[in-house]
Amino acid sequence: MPRSKENVKGLGAKYGSTLRKRYSRVYGGLKAARQCPSCSSMRLARVASGIWRCKSCGYTVAGGAYDLAQAKAK
């Protein structure tokens, strides 16, 4: 059985494939490079749940817990 290239460090087979896929999608989004709305540098990072700060200029913005843009309500 080939191993997937998803980033699922710490999750064993007991958690199931659906949960591992969801985890890898959220974790990948957390670590993605983001552009600062103030200085346009690509150094915006998540500080805490819903708080994003630019490492270059110090600009702080509130957003979603796992993504800067809030998820659209269905």
Protein backbone atom coordinates (compact mmCIF):
# COMPACT_ATOMS: atom_id res chain seq x y z
CA MET A 1 0.00 0.00 0.00
CA PRO A 2 1.60 3.31 -1.05
CA ARG A 3 1.93 6.01 1.56
CA SER A 4 0.24 9.33 0.89
CA LYS A 5 2.26 12.55 0.85
CA GLU A 6 -0.04 14.27 3.34
CA ASN A 7 1.45 15.86 6.41
CA VAL A 8 -0.11 13.70 9.12
CA LYS A 9 2.67 13.54 11.65
CA GLY A 10 1.43 12.04 14.90
CA LEU A 11 -1.76 10.55 13.49
CA GLY A 12 -1.76 6.79 13.23
CA ALA A 13 -4.01 4.48 11.29
CA LYS A 14 -6.52 4.37 14.12
CA TYR A 15 -7.83 7.87 13.34
CA GLY A 16 -9.16 7.04 9.88
CA SER A 17 -8.46 8.45 6.45
CA THR A 18 -11.13 11.17 6.53
CA LEU A 19 -9.75 12.73 9.69
CA ARG A 20 -6.17 12.52 8.43
CA LYS A 21 -7.14 14.27 5.17
CA ARG A 22 -8.98 17.00 7.05
CA TYR A 23 -6.02 17.49 9.40
CA SER A 24 -3.54 17.76 6.53
CA ARG A 25 -5.72 20.33 4.73
CA VAL A 26 -6.01 22.54 7.85
CA TYR A 27 -2.34 22.17 8.83
CA GLY A 28 -1.20 22.95 5.30
CA GLY A 29 -3.26 26.12 5.35
CA LEU A 30 -1.76 27.21 8.66
CA LYS A 31 1.78 26.96 7.34
CA ALA A 32 1.12 28.58 3.94
CA ALA A 33 2.79 31.90 3.14
CA ARG A 34 0.38 34.83 3.36
CA GLN A 35 0.62 38.41 2.19
CA CYS A 36 0.37 41.23 4.71
CA PRO A 37 -2.44 43.68 3.88
CA SER A 38 -0.36 46.57 5.20
CA CYS A 39 3.15 46.16 3.78
CA SER A 40 2.54 43.42 1.15
CA SER A 41 5.34 41.23 2.47
CA MET A 42 4.81 37.47 2.58
CA ARG A 43 5.51 37.23 6.32
CA LEU A 44 2.01 37.12 7.82
CA ALA A 45 1.76 34.28 10.35
CA ARG A 46 -0.75 33.00 12.88
CA VAL A 47 0.02 34.04 16.45
CA ALA A 48 -3.00 32.50 18.18
CA SER A 49 -6.45 31.28 17.23
CA GLY A 50 -7.88 34.03 15.02
CA ILE A 51 -4.94 36.44 15.44
CA TRP A 52 -2.51 36.99 12.55
CA ARG A 53 0.60 39.19 12.74
CA CYS A 54 3.12 40.37 10.16
CA LYS A 55 6.69 39.55 11.15
CA SER A 56 7.99 42.40 9.02
CA CYS A 57 5.92 45.43 10.04
CA GLY A 58 4.10 44.17 13.14
CA TYR A 59 0.61 44.71 11.69
CA THR A 60 -1.98 42.61 13.54
CA VAL A 61 -5.29 41.52 12.06
CA ALA A 62 -8.13 39.29 13.27
CA GLY A 63 -9.40 36.53 11.04
CA GLY A 64 -10.51 32.95 11.12
CA ALA A 65 -9.07 30.39 13.50
CA TYR A 66 -7.32 28.31 10.83
CA ASP A 67 -7.34 30.67 7.86
CA LEU A 68 -7.07 34.43 7.54
CA ALA A 69 -10.34 34.62 5.60
CA GLN A 70 -13.36 33.36 7.50
CA ALA A 71 -15.04 30.29 6.07
CA LYS A 72 -18.22 31.05 4.16
CA ALA A 73 -21.39 29.97 5.92
CA LYS A 74 -23.51 27.56 3.92
